[in-house]
Amino acid sequence: PGRSGITWVHDNAMSEFRYLPETCGSGCAFLDYD
């Protein structure tokens, strides 16, 4: 990250209740938006 500048971190909302959506994410993409 120190070289790429990508400092964002995924938060999966993990809790003691172990809700199913916590374990399924998440996606990403390459795109030329500009």
Full PDB file with SEQRES, HELIX, SHEET, SSBOND, CRYST1, ORIGX, SCALE, CONECT and MASTER records, all heavy atoms in Angstrom:
SEQRES   1 A   34  PRO GLY ARG SER GLY ILE THR TRP VAL HIS ASP ASN ALA          
SEQRES   2 A   34  MET SER GLU PHE ARG TYR LEU PRO GLU THR CYS GLY SER          
SEQRES   3 A   34  GLY CYS ALA PHE LEU ASP TYR ASP                              
HELIX    1 AA1 LEU A   20  THR A   23  5                                   4    
CRYST1    1.000    1.000    1.000  90.00  90.00  90.00 P 1           1          
ORIGX1      1.000000  0.000000  0.000000        0.00000                         
ORIGX2      0.000000  1.000000  0.000000        0.00000                         
ORIGX3      0.000000  0.000000  1.000000        0.00000                         
SCALE1      1.000000  0.000000  0.000000        0.00000                         
SCALE2      0.000000  1.000000  0.000000        0.00000                         
SCALE3      0.000000  0.000000  1.000000        0.00000                         
ATOM      1  N   PRO A   1       0.809  -1.224   0.000  1.00  0.00           N  
ATOM      2  CA  PRO A   1       0.000   0.000   0.000  1.00  0.00           C  
ATOM      3  C   PRO A   1       0.837   1.266   0.000  1.00  0.00           C  
ATOM      4  O   PRO A   1       0.452   2.274  -0.599  1.00  0.00           O  
ATOM      5  CB  PRO A   1      -0.826  -0.131   1.291  1.00  0.00           C  
ATOM      6  CG  PRO A   1      -0.883  -1.594   1.557  1.00  0.00           C  
ATOM      7  CD  PRO A   1       0.430  -2.138   1.079  1.00  0.00           C  
ATOM      8  N   GLY A   2       1.996   1.215   0.675  1.00  0.00           N  
ATOM      9  CA  GLY A   2       2.849   2.389   0.716  1.00  0.00           C  
ATOM     10  C   GLY A   2       3.381   2.786  -0.634  1.00  0.00           C  
ATOM     11  O   GLY A   2       3.762   3.945  -0.840  1.00  0.00           O  
ATOM     12  N   ARG A   3       3.413   1.845  -1.567  1.00  0.00           N  
ATOM     13  CA  ARG A   3       3.900   2.154  -2.909  1.00  0.00           C  
ATOM     14  C   ARG A   3       2.745   2.467  -3.869  1.00  0.00           C  
ATOM     15  O   ARG A   3       2.890   3.281  -4.760  1.00  0.00           O  
ATOM     16  CB  ARG A   3       4.727   0.985  -3.440  1.00  0.00           C  
ATOM     17  CG  ARG A   3       5.668   1.402  -4.558  1.00  0.00           C  
ATOM     18  CD  ARG A   3       6.805   0.410  -4.713  1.00  0.00           C  
ATOM     19  NE  ARG A   3       6.395  -0.795  -5.414  1.00  0.00           N  
ATOM     20  CZ  ARG A   3       6.719  -2.026  -5.048  1.00  0.00           C  
ATOM     21  NH1 ARG A   3       7.441  -2.220  -3.971  1.00  0.00           N  
ATOM     22  NH2 ARG A   3       6.338  -3.069  -5.740  1.00  0.00           N  
ATOM     23  N   SER A   4       1.612   1.805  -3.680  1.00  0.00           N  
ATOM     24  CA  SER A   4       0.484   2.010  -4.597  1.00  0.00           C  
ATOM     25  C   SER A   4      -0.382   3.193  -4.204  1.00  0.00           C  
ATOM     26  O   SER A   4      -1.055   3.787  -5.044  1.00  0.00           O  
ATOM     27  CB  SER A   4      -0.385   0.753  -4.643  1.00  0.00           C  
ATOM     28  OG  SER A   4      -1.047   0.563  -3.397  1.00  0.00           O  
ATOM     29  N   GLY A   5      -0.394   3.545  -2.911  1.00  0.00           N  
ATOM     30  CA  GLY A   5      -1.272   4.598  -2.425  1.00  0.00           C  
ATOM     31  C   GLY A   5      -2.663   4.105  -2.080  1.00  0.00           C  
ATOM     32  O   GLY A   5      -3.548   4.896  -1.734  1.00  0.00           O  
ATOM     33  N   ILE A   6      -2.892   2.796  -2.147  1.00  0.00           N  
ATOM     34  CA  ILE A   6      -4.209   2.227  -1.844  1.00  0.00           C  
ATOM     35  C   ILE A   6      -4.253   1.918  -0.348  1.00  0.00           C  
ATOM     36  O   ILE A   6      -3.720   0.905   0.116  1.00  0.00           O  
ATOM     37  CB  ILE A   6      -4.457   0.949  -2.665  1.00  0.00           C  
ATOM     38  CG1 ILE A   6      -4.383   1.263  -4.156  1.00  0.00           C  
ATOM     39  CG2 ILE A   6      -5.815   0.341  -2.306  1.00  0.00           C  
ATOM     40  CD1 ILE A   6      -4.420   0.034  -5.048  1.00  0.00           C  
ATOM     41  N   THR A   7      -4.895   2.782   0.416  1.00  0.00           N  
ATOM     42  CA  THR A   7      -4.951   2.643   1.867  1.00  0.00           C  
ATOM     43  C   THR A   7      -6.307   2.168   2.369  1.00  0.00           C  
ATOM     44  O   THR A   7      -6.469   1.879   3.555  1.00  0.00           O  
ATOM     45  CB  THR A   7      -4.627   3.991   2.538  1.00  0.00           C  
ATOM     46  OG1 THR A   7      -5.570   4.991   2.078  1.00  0.00           O  
ATOM     47  CG2 THR A   7      -3.215   4.447   2.176  1.00  0.00           C  
ATOM     48  N   TRP A   8      -7.294   2.081   1.490  1.00  0.00           N  
ATOM     49  CA  TRP A   8      -8.643   1.635   1.846  1.00  0.00           C  
ATOM     50  C   TRP A   8      -8.608   0.190   2.345  1.00  0.00           C  
ATOM     51  O   TRP A   8      -7.837  -0.632   1.849  1.00  0.00           O  
ATOM     52  CB  TRP A   8      -9.525   1.760   0.608  1.00  0.00           C  
ATOM     53  CG  TRP A   8     -10.933   1.283   0.733  1.00  0.00           C  
ATOM     54  CD1 TRP A   8     -12.026   2.035   1.041  1.00  0.00           C  
ATOM     55  CD2 TRP A   8     -11.422  -0.044   0.477  1.00  0.00           C  
ATOM     56  NE1 TRP A   8     -13.162   1.258   1.004  1.00  0.00           N  
ATOM     57  CE2 TRP A   8     -12.810  -0.019   0.669  1.00  0.00           C  
ATOM     58  CE3 TRP A   8     -10.814  -1.251   0.124  1.00  0.00           C  
ATOM     59  CZ2 TRP A   8     -13.620  -1.152   0.503  1.00  0.00           C  
ATOM     60  CZ3 TRP A   8     -11.602  -2.386  -0.037  1.00  0.00           C  
ATOM     61  CH2 TRP A   8     -12.980  -2.321   0.151  1.00  0.00           C  
ATOM     62  N   VAL A   9      -9.459  -0.109   3.322  1.00  0.00           N  
ATOM     63  CA  VAL A   9      -9.538  -1.464   3.876  1.00  0.00           C  
ATOM     64  C   VAL A   9     -10.998  -1.896   3.942  1.00  0.00           C  
ATOM     65  O   VAL A   9     -11.877  -1.114   4.341  1.00  0.00           O  
ATOM     66  CB  VAL A   9      -8.911  -1.519   5.291  1.00  0.00           C  
ATOM     67  CG1 VAL A   9      -9.077  -2.913   5.907  1.00  0.00           C  
ATOM     68  CG2 VAL A   9      -7.432  -1.152   5.218  1.00  0.00           C  
ATOM     69  N   HIS A  10     -11.260  -3.130   3.546  1.00  0.00           N  
ATOM     70  CA  HIS A  10     -12.623  -3.657   3.603  1.00  0.00           C  
ATOM     71  C   HIS A  10     -13.025  -3.960   5.040  1.00  0.00           C  
ATOM     72  O   HIS A  10     -12.240  -4.503   5.823  1.00  0.00           O  
ATOM     73  CB  HIS A  10     -12.716  -4.941   2.770  1.00  0.00           C  
ATOM     74  CG  HIS A  10     -14.078  -5.572   2.792  1.00  0.00           C  
ATOM     75  ND1 HIS A  10     -14.364  -6.728   3.478  1.00  0.00           N  
ATOM     76  CD2 HIS A  10     -15.235  -5.177   2.222  1.00  0.00           C  
ATOM     77  CE1 HIS A  10     -15.637  -7.030   3.307  1.00  0.00           C  
ATOM     78  NE2 HIS A  10     -16.191  -6.105   2.557  1.00  0.00           N  
ATOM     79  N   ASP A  11     -14.253  -3.588   5.404  1.00  0.00           N  
ATOM     80  CA  ASP A  11     -14.825  -3.882   6.715  1.00  0.00           C  
ATOM     81  C   ASP A  11     -15.969  -4.861   6.489  1.00  0.00           C  
ATOM     82  O   ASP A  11     -16.957  -4.517   5.838  1.00  0.00           O  
ATOM     83  CB  ASP A  11     -15.331  -2.596   7.374  1.00  0.00           C  
ATOM     84  CG  ASP A  11     -15.793  -2.807   8.805  1.00  0.00           C  
ATOM     85  OD1 ASP A  11     -16.294  -3.912   9.125  1.00  0.00           O  
ATOM     86  OD2 ASP A  11     -15.678  -1.869   9.614  1.00  0.00           O  
ATOM     87  N   ASN A  12     -15.845  -6.077   7.001  1.00  0.00           N  
ATOM     88  CA  ASN A  12     -16.892  -7.059   6.753  1.00  0.00           C  
ATOM     89  C   ASN A  12     -17.965  -7.100   7.833  1.00  0.00           C  
ATOM     90  O   ASN A  12     -18.834  -7.981   7.817  1.00  0.00           O  
ATOM     91  CB  ASN A  12     -16.299  -8.461   6.565  1.00  0.00           C  
ATOM     92  CG  ASN A  12     -15.629  -8.990   7.823  1.00  0.00           C  
ATOM     93  OD1 ASN A  12     -15.438  -8.256   8.791  1.00  0.00           O  
ATOM     94  ND2 ASN A  12     -15.260 -10.253   7.802  1.00  0.00           N  
ATOM     95  N   ALA A  13     -17.917  -6.173   8.781  1.00  0.00           N  
ATOM     96  CA  ALA A  13     -18.940  -6.048   9.819  1.00  0.00           C  
ATOM     97  C   ALA A  13     -18.987  -7.265  10.739  1.00  0.00           C  
ATOM     98  O   ALA A  13     -20.032  -7.581  11.315  1.00  0.00           O  
ATOM     99  CB  ALA A  13     -20.320  -5.812   9.186  1.00  0.00           C  
ATOM    100  N   MET A  14     -17.865  -7.964  10.884  1.00  0.00           N  
ATOM    101  CA  MET A  14     -17.865  -9.199  11.669  1.00  0.00           C  
ATOM    102  C   MET A  14     -18.355  -8.963  13.095  1.00  0.00           C  
ATOM    103  O   MET A  14     -17.947  -8.019  13.758  1.00  0.00           O  
ATOM    104  CB  MET A  14     -16.475  -9.810  11.699  1.00  0.00           C  
ATOM    105  CG  MET A  14     -16.414 -11.144  12.438  1.00  0.00           C  
ATOM    106  SD  MET A  14     -14.760 -11.864  12.431  1.00  0.00           S  
ATOM    107  CE  MET A  14     -14.667 -12.372  10.721  1.00  0.00           C  
ATOM    108  N   SER A  15     -19.225  -9.839  13.544  1.00  0.00           N  
ATOM    109  CA  SER A  15     -19.792  -9.723  14.885  1.00  0.00           C  
ATOM    110  C   SER A  15     -19.875 -11.108  15.530  1.00  0.00           C  
ATOM    111  O   SER A  15     -19.714 -12.132  14.861  1.00  0.00           O  
ATOM    112  CB  SER A  15     -21.192  -9.117  14.823  1.00  0.00           C  
ATOM    113  OG  SER A  15     -22.098 -10.052  14.237  1.00  0.00           O  
ATOM    114  N   GLU A  16     -20.158 -11.151  16.804  1.00  0.00           N  
ATOM    115  CA  GLU A  16     -20.299 -12.422  17.514  1.00  0.00           C  
ATOM    116  C   GLU A  16     -21.522 -13.196  17.051  1.00  0.00           C  
ATOM    117  O   GLU A  16     -21.630 -14.410  17.277  1.00  0.00           O  
ATOM    118  CB  GLU A  16     -20.405 -12.155  19.019  1.00  0.00           C  
ATOM    119  CG  GLU A  16     -21.609 -11.295  19.387  1.00  0.00           C  
ATOM    120  CD  GLU A  16     -21.714 -11.055  20.884  1.00  0.00           C  
ATOM    121  OE1 GLU A  16     -21.680 -12.062  21.628  1.00  0.00           O  
ATOM    122  OE2 GLU A  16     -21.829  -9.891  21.288  1.00  0.00           O  
ATOM    123  N   PHE A  17     -22.436 -12.524  16.371  1.00  0.00           N  
ATOM    124  CA  PHE A  17     -23.664 -13.186  15.929  1.00  0.00           C  
ATOM    125  C   PHE A  17     -23.488 -13.934  14.611  1.00  0.00           C  
ATOM    126  O   PHE A  17     -24.344 -14.709  14.210  1.00  0.00           O  
ATOM    127  CB  PHE A  17     -24.794 -12.160  15.803  1.00  0.00           C  
ATOM    128  CG  PHE A  17     -25.088 -11.448  17.088  1.00  0.00           C  
ATOM    129  CD1 PHE A  17     -24.663 -10.147  17.286  1.00  0.00           C  
ATOM    130  CD2 PHE A  17     -25.766 -12.089  18.109  1.00  0.00           C  
ATOM    131  CE1 PHE A  17     -24.927  -9.489  18.485  1.00  0.00           C  
ATOM    132  CE2 PHE A  17     -26.042 -11.446  19.299  1.00  0.00           C  
ATOM    133  CZ  PHE A  17     -25.610 -10.144  19.495  1.00  0.00           C  
ATOM    134  N   ARG A  18     -22.389 -13.698  13.911  1.00  0.00           N  
ATOM    135  CA  ARG A  18     -22.053 -14.404  12.682  1.00  0.00           C  
ATOM    136  C   ARG A  18     -23.201 -14.352  11.667  1.00  0.00           C  
ATOM    137  O   ARG A  18     -23.722 -15.367  11.225  1.00  0.00           O  
ATOM    138  CB  ARG A  18     -21.684 -15.861  12.989  1.00  0.00           C  
ATOM    139  CG  ARG A  18     -20.409 -16.026  13.808  1.00  0.00           C  
ATOM    140  CD  ARG A  18     -19.225 -15.414  13.054  1.00  0.00           C  
ATOM    141  NE  ARG A  18     -17.937 -15.746  13.638  1.00  0.00           N  
ATOM    142  CZ  ARG A  18     -17.314 -15.017  14.569  1.00  0.00           C  
ATOM    143  NH1 ARG A  18     -17.888 -13.926  15.044  1.00  0.00           N  
ATOM    144  NH2 ARG A  18     -16.125 -15.364  15.017  1.00  0.00           N  
ATOM    145  N   TYR A  19     -23.582 -13.131  11.288  1.00  0.00           N  
ATOM    146  CA  TYR A  19     -24.591 -12.962  10.248  1.00  0.00           C  
ATOM    147  C   TYR A  19     -23.991 -13.306   8.888  1.00  0.00           C  
ATOM    148  O   TYR A  19     -22.858 -12.923   8.574  1.00  0.00           O  
ATOM    149  CB  TYR A  19     -25.110 -11.533  10.241  1.00  0.00           C  
ATOM    150  CG  TYR A  19     -25.816 -11.127  11.515  1.00  0.00           C  
ATOM    151  CD1 TYR A  19     -25.314 -10.101  12.313  1.00  0.00           C  
ATOM    152  CD2 TYR A  19     -26.971 -11.777  11.922  1.00  0.00           C  
ATOM    153  CE1 TYR A  19     -25.951  -9.724  13.484  1.00  0.00           C  
ATOM    154  CE2 TYR A  19     -27.624 -11.402  13.101  1.00  0.00           C  
ATOM    155  CZ  TYR A  19     -27.102 -10.379  13.876  1.00  0.00           C  
ATOM    156  OH  TYR A  19     -27.731 -10.025  15.044  1.00  0.00           O  
ATOM    157  N   LEU A  20     -24.721 -14.008   8.063  1.00  0.00           N  
ATOM    158  CA  LEU A  20     -24.198 -14.537   6.811  1.00  0.00           C  
ATOM    159  C   LEU A  20     -23.585 -13.489   5.882  1.00  0.00           C  
ATOM    160  O   LEU A  20     -22.538 -13.756   5.274  1.00  0.00           O  
ATOM    161  CB  LEU A  20     -25.306 -15.309   6.074  1.00  0.00           C  
ATOM    162  CG  LEU A  20     -24.871 -16.096   4.835  1.00  0.00           C  
ATOM    163  CD1 LEU A  20     -23.800 -17.120   5.194  1.00  0.00           C  
ATOM    164  CD2 LEU A  20     -26.075 -16.779   4.194  1.00  0.00           C  
ATOM    165  N   PRO A  21     -24.179 -12.292   5.721  1.00  0.00           N  
ATOM    166  CA  PRO A  21     -23.555 -11.313   4.809  1.00  0.00           C  
ATOM    167  C   PRO A  21     -22.132 -10.911   5.192  1.00  0.00           C  
ATOM    168  O   PRO A  21     -21.375 -10.435   4.340  1.00  0.00           O  
ATOM    169  CB  PRO A  21     -24.504 -10.103   4.890  1.00  0.00           C  
ATOM    170  CG  PRO A  21     -25.827 -10.689   5.265  1.00  0.00           C  
ATOM    171  CD  PRO A  21     -25.495 -11.806   6.213  1.00  0.00           C  
ATOM    172  N   GLU A  22     -21.762 -11.122   6.465  1.00  0.00           N  
ATOM    173  CA  GLU A  22     -20.421 -10.742   6.913  1.00  0.00           C  
ATOM    174  C   GLU A  22     -19.328 -11.502   6.170  1.00  0.00           C  
ATOM    175  O   GLU A  22     -18.206 -11.012   6.044  1.00  0.00           O  
ATOM    176  CB  GLU A  22     -20.282 -11.013   8.410  1.00  0.00           C  
ATOM    177  CG  GLU A  22     -21.208 -10.215   9.287  1.00  0.00           C  
ATOM    178  CD  GLU A  22     -21.183 -10.677  10.732  1.00  0.00           C  
ATOM    179  OE1 GLU A  22     -20.339 -11.532  11.084  1.00  0.00           O  
ATOM    180  OE2 GLU A  22     -22.006 -10.192  11.531  1.00  0.00           O  
ATOM    181  N   THR A  23     -19.647 -12.689   5.698  1.00  0.00           N  
ATOM    182  CA  THR A  23     -18.613 -13.543   5.131  1.00  0.00           C  
ATOM    183  C   THR A  23     -18.572 -13.544   3.613  1.00  0.00           C  
ATOM    184  O   THR A  23     -17.670 -14.134   3.026  1.00  0.00           O  
ATOM    185  CB  THR A  23     -18.796 -14.993   5.642  1.00  0.00           C  
ATOM    186  OG1 THR A  23     -17.625 -15.732   5.363  1.00  0.00           O  
ATOM    187  CG2 THR A  23     -19.985 -15.661   4.985  1.00  0.00           C  
ATOM    188  N   CYS A  24     -19.504 -12.876   2.941  1.00  0.00           N  
ATOM    189  CA  CYS A  24     -19.636 -13.013   1.487  1.00  0.00           C  
ATOM    190  C   CYS A  24     -18.945 -11.926   0.668  1.00  0.00           C  
ATOM    191  O   CYS A  24     -18.666 -12.136  -0.514  1.00  0.00           O  
ATOM    192  CB  CYS A  24     -21.109 -13.072   1.098  1.00  0.00           C  
ATOM    193  SG  CYS A  24     -21.952 -14.541   1.701  1.00  0.00           S  
ATOM    194  N   GLY A  25     -18.704 -10.752   1.253  1.00  0.00           N  
ATOM    195  CA  GLY A  25     -18.157  -9.660   0.458  1.00  0.00           C  
ATOM    196  C   GLY A  25     -16.632  -9.693   0.397  1.00  0.00           C  
ATOM    197  O   GLY A  25     -16.003 -10.339   1.234  1.00  0.00           O  
ATOM    198  N   SER A  26     -16.020  -9.065  -0.645  1.00  0.00           N  
ATOM    199  CA  SER A  26     -16.706  -8.092  -1.467  1.00  0.00           C  
ATOM    200  C   SER A  26     -15.985  -8.005  -2.807  1.00  0.00           C  
ATOM    201  O   SER A  26     -14.923  -8.586  -2.989  1.00  0.00           O  
ATOM    202  CB  SER A  26     -16.713  -6.757  -0.742  1.00  0.00           C  
ATOM    203  OG  SER A  26     -17.555  -5.823  -1.355  1.00  0.00           O  
ATOM    204  N   GLY A  27     -16.558  -7.250  -3.765  1.00  0.00           N  
ATOM    205  CA  GLY A  27     -16.030  -7.226  -5.123  1.00  0.00           C  
ATOM    206  C   GLY A  27     -15.143  -6.042  -5.442  1.00  0.00           C  
ATOM    207  O   GLY A  27     -14.934  -5.137  -4.633  1.00  0.00           O  
ATOM    208  N   CYS A  28     -14.606  -6.057  -6.672  1.00  0.00           N  
ATOM    209  CA  CYS A  28     -13.702  -5.007  -7.124  1.00  0.00           C  
ATOM    210  C   CYS A  28     -13.726  -4.933  -8.645  1.00  0.00           C  
ATOM    211  O   CYS A  28     -14.258  -5.827  -9.305  1.00  0.00           O  
ATOM    212  CB  CYS A  28     -12.278  -5.268  -6.630  1.00  0.00           C  
ATOM    213  SG  CYS A  28     -11.601  -6.881  -7.099  1.00  0.00           S  
ATOM    214  N   ALA A  29     -13.142  -3.880  -9.198  1.00  0.00           N  
ATOM    215  CA  ALA A  29     -13.185  -3.698 -10.647  1.00  0.00           C  
ATOM    216  C   ALA A  29     -12.005  -2.889 -11.143  1.00  0.00           C  
ATOM    217  O   ALA A  29     -11.492  -2.004 -10.450  1.00  0.00           O  
ATOM    218  CB  ALA A  29     -14.480  -2.998 -11.055  1.00  0.00           C  
ATOM    219  N   PHE A  30     -11.585  -3.208 -12.371  1.00  0.00           N  
ATOM    220  CA  PHE A  30     -10.733  -2.345 -13.175  1.00  0.00           C  
ATOM    221  C   PHE A  30     -11.634  -1.620 -14.160  1.00  0.00           C  
ATOM    222  O   PHE A  30     -12.468  -2.257 -14.825  1.00  0.00           O  
ATOM    223  CB  PHE A  30      -9.699  -3.154 -13.963  1.00  0.00           C  
ATOM    224  CG  PHE A  30      -8.507  -3.596 -13.162  1.00  0.00           C  
ATOM    225  CD1 PHE A  30      -8.440  -4.875 -12.644  1.00  0.00           C  
ATOM    226  CD2 PHE A  30      -7.435  -2.736 -12.950  1.00  0.00           C  
ATOM    227  CE1 PHE A  30      -7.327  -5.301 -11.923  1.00  0.00           C  
ATOM    228  CE2 PHE A  30      -6.323  -3.153 -12.229  1.00  0.00           C  
ATOM    229  CZ  PHE A  30      -6.270  -4.431 -11.707  1.00  0.00           C  
ATOM    230  N   LEU A  31     -11.486  -0.310 -14.278  1.00  0.00           N  
ATOM    231  CA  LEU A  31     -12.251   0.458 -15.252  1.00  0.00           C  
ATOM    232  C   LEU A  31     -11.522   1.753 -15.547  1.00  0.00           C  
ATOM    233  O   LEU A  31     -10.805   2.279 -14.684  1.00  0.00           O  
ATOM    234  CB  LEU A  31     -13.660   0.772 -14.750  1.00  0.00           C  
ATOM    235  CG  LEU A  31     -13.805   1.848 -13.657  1.00  0.00           C  
ATOM    236  CD1 LEU A  31     -15.231   2.412 -13.670  1.00  0.00           C  
ATOM    237  CD2 LEU A  31     -13.451   1.328 -12.281  1.00  0.00           C  
ATOM    238  N   ASP A  32     -11.698   2.255 -16.739  1.00  0.00           N  
ATOM    239  CA  ASP A  32     -11.118   3.552 -17.115  1.00  0.00           C  
ATOM    240  C   ASP A  32     -12.237   4.581 -17.032  1.00  0.00           C  
ATOM    241  O   ASP A  32     -12.838   4.959 -18.029  1.00  0.00           O  
ATOM    242  CB  ASP A  32     -10.533   3.469 -18.526  1.00  0.00           C  
ATOM    243  CG  ASP A  32      -9.877   4.776 -18.960  1.00  0.00           C  
ATOM    244  OD1 ASP A  32      -9.703   5.676 -18.112  1.00  0.00           O  
ATOM    245  OD2 ASP A  32      -9.549   4.886 -20.157  1.00  0.00           O  
ATOM    246  N   TYR A  33     -12.513   5.048 -15.819  1.00  0.00           N  
ATOM    247  CA  TYR A  33     -13.682   5.899 -15.619  1.00  0.00           C  
ATOM    248  C   TYR A  33     -13.535   7.271 -16.262  1.00  0.00           C  
ATOM    249  O   TYR A  33     -14.519   7.918 -16.619  1.00  0.00           O  
ATOM    250  CB  TYR A  33     -13.990   6.048 -14.125  1.00  0.00           C  
ATOM    251  CG  TYR A  33     -13.243   7.161 -13.422  1.00  0.00           C  
ATOM    252  CD1 TYR A  33     -13.846   8.402 -13.191  1.00  0.00           C  
ATOM    253  CD2 TYR A  33     -11.925   6.991 -12.989  1.00  0.00           C  
ATOM    254  CE1 TYR A  33     -13.163   9.422 -12.541  1.00  0.00           C  
ATOM    255  CE2 TYR A  33     -11.238   7.996 -12.343  1.00  0.00           C  
ATOM    256  CZ  TYR A  33     -11.855   9.215 -12.120  1.00  0.00           C  
ATOM    257  OH  TYR A  33     -11.172  10.234 -11.492  1.00  0.00           O  
ATOM    258  N   ASP A  34     -12.273   7.743 -16.417  1.00  0.00           N  
ATOM    259  CA  ASP A  34     -12.056   9.089 -16.921  1.00  0.00           C  
ATOM    260  C   ASP A  34     -11.577   9.119 -18.372  1.00  0.00           C  
ATOM    261  O   ASP A  34     -11.245  10.182 -18.891  1.00  0.00           O  
ATOM    262  CB  ASP A  34     -11.073   9.852 -16.032  1.00  0.00           C  
ATOM    263  CG  ASP A  34      -9.759   9.102 -15.812  1.00  0.00           C  
ATOM    264  OD1 ASP A  34      -9.579   8.022 -16.415  1.00  0.00           O  
ATOM    265  OD2 ASP A  34      -8.921   9.590 -15.035  1.00  0.00           O  
TER     266      ASP A  34                                                      
MASTER        0    0    0    1    0    0    0    6  265    1    0    3          
END                                                                             
